[in-house]
Amino acid sequence: MIPRRAKLDNSVLLVIDVINSCAHQAYEDPERGITYNKIRQMIPSLSSFVNSFRRAGGNIILTTTVPWREQHLPDNINELYRDNEKARYWSRDTGGHAEQFYEIPTEGAMIFAKNSYDAFTNEGLGNTLKRMQVRYVIVTGVFGDGCVLATVCGGFSKGFHFIIARDLIETTDEEDRQVFQRHLKERTWPLMYGATIESHHILTALS
């Protein structure tokens, strides 16, 4: 259930990394099992929710990434990628298109770029939420088993409360990742980090 203290004026909708590199077909890598069909199927519902949240008067934050290449990333990510070919995920894009939002409304949204998995590594995000007196972060986006997971863990450790929109979080089509994401949604998140519910319950409860 939604926490009773959660209201529209003490909450924010956080949309994580719905950008070309995490959704567009041009950025898939089928040889490594990286395809985004399930993500693209989810995005229309997420876009509709973003619009409804904005019309209700809610605040929206979108995250993107810095260019996901060596010169822009911290040493721990670069070392991991150099040492582990399976983990390696440097972007092949050098034209600046990878970080652009993919079919998601941006009107009225605040935008933060991050250079790690956890959105709270951008200190401006946490500072902005505190200045706005935000208590509850409604989290959506991609990848459920990657940057969404890292952001939930990172934000929770900073004292923020989470409401997790179960149907508006996706990851790649790979079955192992889908299984892990289901486990997060069914057990880990609701037991350790916050209410994990279908999005259609959220706006009604906050109003």
C-alpha atoms as a PDB file:
ATOM      1  CA  MET A   1       0.000   0.000   0.000  1.00  0.00           C
ATOM      2  CA  ILE A   2       0.991   3.639  -0.514  1.00  0.00           C
ATOM      3  CA  PRO A   3       2.289   5.175   2.750  1.00  0.00           C
ATOM      4  CA  ARG A   4      -0.393   7.344   4.355  1.00  0.00           C
ATOM      5  CA  ARG A   5       2.001  10.293   4.639  1.00  0.00           C
ATOM      6  CA  ALA A   6       2.645  10.327   0.872  1.00  0.00           C
ATOM      7  CA  LYS A   7       1.020  13.276  -0.904  1.00  0.00           C
ATOM      8  CA  LEU A   8       1.547  14.909  -4.258  1.00  0.00           C
ATOM      9  CA  ASP A   9       3.314  17.882  -2.675  1.00  0.00           C
ATOM     10  CA  ASN A  10       5.920  15.789  -0.829  1.00  0.00           C
ATOM     11  CA  SER A  11       6.592  13.378  -3.698  1.00  0.00           C
ATOM     12  CA  VAL A  12       8.389  13.466  -7.021  1.00  0.00           C
ATOM     13  CA  LEU A  13       8.240  11.213 -10.079  1.00  0.00           C
ATOM     14  CA  LEU A  14      11.715  10.018 -11.066  1.00  0.00           C
ATOM     15  CA  VAL A  15      12.120   8.562 -14.577  1.00  0.00           C
ATOM     16  CA  ILE A  16      15.463   6.818 -14.971  1.00  0.00           C
ATOM     17  CA  ASP A  17      17.331   6.648 -18.285  1.00  0.00           C
ATOM     18  CA  VAL A  18      14.563   6.364 -20.862  1.00  0.00           C
ATOM     19  CA  ILE A  19      17.104   7.409 -23.474  1.00  0.00           C
ATOM     20  CA  ASN A  20      18.162   6.130 -26.877  1.00  0.00           C
ATOM     21  CA  SER A  21      21.042   4.015 -25.598  1.00  0.00           C
ATOM     22  CA  CYS A  22      18.650   2.129 -23.311  1.00  0.00           C
ATOM     23  CA  ALA A  23      15.610   1.859 -25.579  1.00  0.00           C
ATOM     24  CA  HIS A  24      16.186   2.579 -29.266  1.00  0.00           C
ATOM     25  CA  GLN A  25      16.609  -0.383 -31.608  1.00  0.00           C
ATOM     26  CA  ALA A  26      19.728   1.216 -33.092  1.00  0.00           C
ATOM     27  CA  TYR A  27      21.514   0.707 -29.764  1.00  0.00           C
ATOM     28  CA  GLU A  28      20.695  -2.965 -29.337  1.00  0.00           C
ATOM     29  CA  ASP A  29      23.471  -5.561 -29.440  1.00  0.00           C
ATOM     30  CA  PRO A  30      21.777  -8.887 -30.241  1.00  0.00           C
ATOM     31  CA  GLU A  31      25.088 -10.746 -30.327  1.00  0.00           C
ATOM     32  CA  ARG A  32      25.438  -9.997 -26.612  1.00  0.00           C
ATOM     33  CA  GLY A  33      21.766 -10.595 -25.882  1.00  0.00           C
ATOM     34  CA  ILE A  34      20.973  -6.892 -25.465  1.00  0.00           C
ATOM     35  CA  THR A  35      17.588  -6.122 -27.014  1.00  0.00           C
ATOM     36  CA  TYR A  36      14.914  -3.687 -25.838  1.00  0.00           C
ATOM     37  CA  ASN A  37      11.540  -4.983 -27.021  1.00  0.00           C
ATOM     38  CA  LYS A  38      10.047  -5.141 -23.518  1.00  0.00           C
ATOM     39  CA  ILE A  39      11.304  -1.657 -22.754  1.00  0.00           C
ATOM     40  CA  ARG A  40       9.703  -0.214 -25.886  1.00  0.00           C
ATOM     41  CA  GLN A  41       6.440  -1.986 -25.036  1.00  0.00           C
ATOM     42  CA  MET A  42       6.444  -0.342 -21.595  1.00  0.00           C
ATOM     43  CA  ILE A  43       7.262   3.220 -22.699  1.00  0.00           C
ATOM     44  CA  PRO A  44       3.765   4.241 -23.944  1.00  0.00           C
ATOM     45  CA  SER A  45       2.299   3.423 -20.515  1.00  0.00           C
ATOM     46  CA  LEU A  46       5.130   5.295 -18.803  1.00  0.00           C
ATOM     47  CA  SER A  47       4.644   8.315 -21.080  1.00  0.00           C
ATOM     48  CA  SER A  48       0.934   8.364 -20.292  1.00  0.00           C
ATOM     49  CA  PHE A  49       1.688   8.230 -16.565  1.00  0.00           C
ATOM     50  CA  VAL A  50       4.202  11.077 -16.844  1.00  0.00           C
ATOM     51  CA  ASN A  51       1.591  13.234 -18.570  1.00  0.00           C
ATOM     52  CA  SER A  52      -1.060  12.388 -15.974  1.00  0.00           C
ATOM     53  CA  PHE A  53       1.351  13.132 -13.130  1.00  0.00           C
ATOM     54  CA  ARG A  54       2.232  16.504 -14.625  1.00  0.00           C
ATOM     55  CA  ARG A  55      -1.441  17.419 -15.209  1.00  0.00           C
ATOM     56  CA  ALA A  56      -2.169  16.565 -11.571  1.00  0.00           C
ATOM     57  CA  GLY A  57       0.461  19.120 -10.532  1.00  0.00           C
ATOM     58  CA  GLY A  58       3.242  16.725  -9.638  1.00  0.00           C
ATOM     59  CA  ASN A  59       6.955  17.363 -10.058  1.00  0.00           C
ATOM     60  CA  ILE A  60       8.901  15.228 -12.542  1.00  0.00           C
ATOM     61  CA  ILE A  61      12.613  14.497 -12.765  1.00  0.00           C
ATOM     62  CA  LEU A  62      14.213  12.723 -15.728  1.00  0.00           C
ATOM     63  CA  THR A  63      17.705  11.287 -15.696  1.00  0.00           C
ATOM     64  CA  THR A  64      20.009  10.803 -18.618  1.00  0.00           C
ATOM     65  CA  THR A  65      23.683   9.881 -18.664  1.00  0.00           C
ATOM     66  CA  VAL A  66      26.893  11.578 -19.581  1.00  0.00           C
ATOM     67  CA  PRO A  67      28.346  10.131 -22.796  1.00  0.00           C
ATOM     68  CA  TRP A  68      28.990   6.550 -21.697  1.00  0.00           C
ATOM     69  CA  ARG A  69      32.633   6.467 -22.783  1.00  0.00           C
ATOM     70  CA  GLU A  70      35.924   6.210 -20.954  1.00  0.00           C
ATOM     71  CA  GLN A  71      36.771   9.900 -20.788  1.00  0.00           C
ATOM     72  CA  HIS A  72      33.467  10.706 -19.049  1.00  0.00           C
ATOM     73  CA  LEU A  73      33.188   7.795 -16.599  1.00  0.00           C
ATOM     74  CA  PRO A  74      34.730   7.209 -13.161  1.00  0.00           C
ATOM     75  CA  ASP A  75      37.690   4.921 -12.716  1.00  0.00           C
ATOM     76  CA  ASN A  76      35.782   2.092 -11.045  1.00  0.00           C
ATOM     77  CA  ILE A  77      33.441   1.663 -14.027  1.00  0.00           C
ATOM     78  CA  ASN A  78      36.284   1.917 -16.546  1.00  0.00           C
ATOM     79  CA  GLU A  79      38.369  -0.638 -14.677  1.00  0.00           C
ATOM     80  CA  LEU A  80      35.442  -3.038 -14.527  1.00  0.00           C
ATOM     81  CA  TYR A  81      34.865  -2.682 -18.266  1.00  0.00           C
ATOM     82  CA  ARG A  82      38.544  -3.105 -19.129  1.00  0.00           C
ATOM     83  CA  ASP A  83      38.881  -6.246 -17.009  1.00  0.00           C
ATOM     84  CA  ASN A  84      35.587  -7.952 -17.843  1.00  0.00           C
ATOM     85  CA  GLU A  85      34.503  -8.239 -21.454  1.00  0.00           C
ATOM     86  CA  LYS A  86      31.033  -9.443 -20.440  1.00  0.00           C
ATOM     87  CA  ALA A  87      30.505  -6.327 -18.333  1.00  0.00           C
ATOM     88  CA  ARG A  88      31.916  -3.944 -20.941  1.00  0.00           C
ATOM     89  CA  TYR A  89      29.339  -1.367 -21.954  1.00  0.00           C
ATOM     90  CA  TRP A  90      31.104   1.670 -23.385  1.00  0.00           C
ATOM     91  CA  SER A  91      28.882   3.468 -25.861  1.00  0.00           C
ATOM     92  CA  ARG A  92      29.699   3.280 -29.554  1.00  0.00           C
ATOM     93  CA  ASP A  93      27.883   6.577 -30.132  1.00  0.00           C
ATOM     94  CA  THR A  94      30.073   9.632 -30.679  1.00  0.00           C
ATOM     95  CA  GLY A  95      27.360  11.910 -32.068  1.00  0.00           C
ATOM     96  CA  GLY A  96      25.562  12.755 -28.847  1.00  0.00           C
ATOM     97  CA  HIS A  97      22.367  10.905 -29.721  1.00  0.00           C
ATOM     98  CA  ALA A  98      22.672   8.102 -27.167  1.00  0.00           C
ATOM     99  CA  GLU A  99      21.800  10.371 -24.246  1.00  0.00           C
ATOM    100  CA  GLN A 100      18.697  11.899 -25.850  1.00  0.00           C
ATOM    101  CA  PHE A 101      15.310  10.939 -24.408  1.00  0.00           C
ATOM    102  CA  TYR A 102      13.380   8.234 -26.229  1.00  0.00           C
ATOM    103  CA  GLU A 103       9.650   8.877 -26.781  1.00  0.00           C
ATOM    104  CA  ILE A 104       9.101  10.234 -23.280  1.00  0.00           C
ATOM    105  CA  PRO A 105       7.494  13.624 -22.526  1.00  0.00           C
ATOM    106  CA  THR A 106       9.945  16.172 -21.142  1.00  0.00           C
ATOM    107  CA  GLU A 107       7.673  19.200 -20.728  1.00  0.00           C
ATOM    108  CA  GLY A 108       8.150  20.852 -17.345  1.00  0.00           C
ATOM    109  CA  ALA A 109      10.586  18.173 -16.146  1.00  0.00           C
ATOM    110  CA  MET A 110      13.858  18.761 -14.321  1.00  0.00           C
ATOM    111  CA  ILE A 111      16.747  16.883 -15.941  1.00  0.00           C
ATOM    112  CA  PHE A 112      19.864  15.474 -14.289  1.00  0.00           C
ATOM    113  CA  ALA A 113      22.754  13.680 -15.974  1.00  0.00           C
ATOM    114  CA  LYS A 114      24.715  10.999 -14.139  1.00  0.00           C
ATOM    115  CA  ASN A 115      28.085   9.343 -14.671  1.00  0.00           C
ATOM    116  CA  SER A 116      27.338   6.172 -12.710  1.00  0.00           C
ATOM    117  CA  TYR A 117      24.478   3.746 -12.244  1.00  0.00           C
ATOM    118  CA  ASP A 118      22.998   5.448  -9.175  1.00  0.00           C
ATOM    119  CA  ALA A 119      21.262   8.741 -10.037  1.00  0.00           C
ATOM    120  CA  PHE A 120      22.127  10.043  -6.555  1.00  0.00           C
ATOM    121  CA  THR A 121      25.810  10.154  -7.488  1.00  0.00           C
ATOM    122  CA  ASN A 122      24.765  13.474  -9.044  1.00  0.00           C
ATOM    123  CA  GLU A 123      24.688  15.450  -5.804  1.00  0.00           C
ATOM    124  CA  GLY A 124      22.415  18.006  -7.403  1.00  0.00           C
ATOM    125  CA  LEU A 125      19.578  15.487  -7.427  1.00  0.00           C
ATOM    126  CA  GLY A 126      19.608  14.885  -3.688  1.00  0.00           C
ATOM    127  CA  ASN A 127      20.092  18.577  -2.947  1.00  0.00           C
ATOM    128  CA  THR A 128      17.149  19.481  -5.175  1.00  0.00           C
ATOM    129  CA  LEU A 129      14.875  16.946  -3.517  1.00  0.00           C
ATOM    130  CA  LYS A 130      15.806  18.220  -0.064  1.00  0.00           C
ATOM    131  CA  ARG A 131      15.223  21.820  -1.123  1.00  0.00           C
ATOM    132  CA  MET A 132      11.793  20.802  -2.444  1.00  0.00           C
ATOM    133  CA  GLN A 133      11.125  18.966   0.848  1.00  0.00           C
ATOM    134  CA  VAL A 134      10.518  15.716  -1.038  1.00  0.00           C
ATOM    135  CA  ARG A 135      10.012  12.689   1.174  1.00  0.00           C
ATOM    136  CA  TYR A 136       8.786  10.126  -1.369  1.00  0.00           C
ATOM    137  CA  VAL A 137      10.440   9.247  -4.682  1.00  0.00           C
ATOM    138  CA  ILE A 138       8.191   7.451  -7.165  1.00  0.00           C
ATOM    139  CA  VAL A 139      10.639   5.522  -9.297  1.00  0.00           C
ATOM    140  CA  THR A 140      10.198   4.331 -12.895  1.00  0.00           C
ATOM    141  CA  GLY A 141      12.434   3.645 -15.887  1.00  0.00           C
ATOM    142  CA  VAL A 142      15.257   1.355 -17.002  1.00  0.00           C
ATOM    143  CA  PHE A 143      17.117  -0.896 -16.357  1.00  0.00           C
ATOM    144  CA  GLY A 144      15.274  -2.468 -13.428  1.00  0.00           C
ATOM    145  CA  ASP A 145      18.218  -4.668 -12.525  1.00  0.00           C
ATOM    146  CA  GLY A 146      20.762  -1.933 -13.186  1.00  0.00           C
ATOM    147  CA  CYS A 147      20.383   1.822 -12.781  1.00  0.00           C
ATOM    148  CA  VAL A 148      16.915   1.603 -11.206  1.00  0.00           C
ATOM    149  CA  LEU A 149      18.193  -0.852  -8.602  1.00  0.00           C
ATOM    150  CA  ALA A 150      21.303   1.237  -7.925  1.00  0.00           C
ATOM    151  CA  THR A 151      19.243   4.419  -7.586  1.00  0.00           C
ATOM    152  CA  VAL A 152      16.754   2.842  -5.187  1.00  0.00           C
ATOM    153  CA  CYS A 153      19.604   1.577  -3.008  1.00  0.00           C
ATOM    154  CA  GLY A 154      21.507   4.852  -3.206  1.00  0.00           C
ATOM    155  CA  GLY A 155      18.514   7.088  -2.527  1.00  0.00           C
ATOM    156  CA  PHE A 156      17.259   4.928   0.321  1.00  0.00           C
ATOM    157  CA  SER A 157      20.665   5.125   1.991  1.00  0.00           C
ATOM    158  CA  LYS A 158      20.339   8.933   1.856  1.00  0.00           C
ATOM    159  CA  GLY A 159      17.054   8.796   3.737  1.00  0.00           C
ATOM    160  CA  PHE A 160      14.512   9.095   0.931  1.00  0.00           C
ATOM    161  CA  HIS A 161      11.389   6.953   0.929  1.00  0.00           C
ATOM    162  CA  PHE A 162      10.453   5.071  -2.229  1.00  0.00           C
ATOM    163  CA  ILE A 163       7.267   4.157  -4.051  1.00  0.00           C
ATOM    164  CA  ILE A 164       8.154   1.771  -6.857  1.00  0.00           C
ATOM    165  CA  ALA A 165       5.901   1.646  -9.932  1.00  0.00           C
ATOM    166  CA  ARG A 166       6.190  -2.038 -10.704  1.00  0.00           C
ATOM    167  CA  ASP A 167       4.670  -1.920 -14.206  1.00  0.00           C
ATOM    168  CA  LEU A 168       6.735   1.087 -15.332  1.00  0.00           C
ATOM    169  CA  ILE A 169      10.168  -0.445 -14.770  1.00  0.00           C
ATOM    170  CA  GLU A 170      11.783  -2.666 -17.388  1.00  0.00           C
ATOM    171  CA  THR A 171      15.062  -4.206 -18.438  1.00  0.00           C
ATOM    172  CA  THR A 172      16.471  -5.951 -21.480  1.00  0.00           C
ATOM    173  CA  ASP A 173      14.725  -8.967 -22.990  1.00  0.00           C
ATOM    174  CA  GLU A 174      17.336 -11.439 -21.729  1.00  0.00           C
ATOM    175  CA  GLU A 175      15.554 -14.061 -19.640  1.00  0.00           C
ATOM    176  CA  ASP A 176      18.091 -14.095 -16.776  1.00  0.00           C
ATOM    177  CA  ARG A 177      17.695 -10.345 -16.356  1.00  0.00           C
ATOM    178  CA  GLN A 178      13.910 -10.627 -16.548  1.00  0.00           C
ATOM    179  CA  VAL A 179      13.923 -13.293 -13.823  1.00  0.00           C
ATOM    180  CA  PHE A 180      16.123 -11.177 -11.569  1.00  0.00           C
ATOM    181  CA  GLN A 181      13.914  -8.134 -12.140  1.00  0.00           C
ATOM    182  CA  ARG A 182      10.807 -10.145 -11.214  1.00  0.00           C
ATOM    183  CA  HIS A 183      12.517 -11.152  -7.972  1.00  0.00           C
ATOM    184  CA  LEU A 184      13.282  -7.502  -7.207  1.00  0.00           C
ATOM    185  CA  LYS A 185       9.672  -6.487  -7.837  1.00  0.00           C
ATOM    186  CA  GLU A 186       8.114  -9.374  -5.942  1.00  0.00           C
ATOM    187  CA  ARG A 187      10.418  -9.632  -2.936  1.00  0.00           C
ATOM    188  CA  THR A 188      13.472  -7.393  -2.564  1.00  0.00           C
ATOM    189  CA  TRP A 189      11.961  -3.969  -3.195  1.00  0.00           C
ATOM    190  CA  PRO A 190       8.680  -4.371  -1.268  1.00  0.00           C
ATOM    191  CA  LEU A 191      10.426  -5.922   1.738  1.00  0.00           C
ATOM    192  CA  MET A 192      13.465  -3.652   1.870  1.00  0.00           C
ATOM    193  CA  TYR A 193      12.872  -0.373   0.038  1.00  0.00           C
ATOM    194  CA  GLY A 194       9.250   0.672  -0.345  1.00  0.00           C
ATOM    195  CA  ALA A 195       5.731   0.070  -1.597  1.00  0.00           C
ATOM    196  CA  THR A 196       6.002  -1.729  -4.940  1.00  0.00           C
ATOM    197  CA  ILE A 197       2.683  -1.389  -6.721  1.00  0.00           C
ATOM    198  CA  GLU A 198       0.997  -0.928 -10.092  1.00  0.00           C
ATOM    199  CA  SER A 199       1.112   2.657 -11.303  1.00  0.00           C
ATOM    200  CA  HIS A 200      -2.664   3.111 -11.624  1.00  0.00           C
ATOM    201  CA  HIS A 201      -2.920   3.014  -7.814  1.00  0.00           C
ATOM    202  CA  ILE A 202      -0.376   5.778  -7.277  1.00  0.00           C
ATOM    203  CA  LEU A 203      -2.046   8.980  -8.463  1.00  0.00           C
ATOM    204  CA  THR A 204      -5.347   8.046  -6.843  1.00  0.00           C
ATOM    205  CA  ALA A 205      -3.622   7.464  -3.521  1.00  0.00           C
ATOM    206  CA  LEU A 206      -1.624  10.705  -3.660  1.00  0.00           C
ATOM    207  CA  SER A 207      -4.563  12.955  -4.524  1.00  0.00           C
END
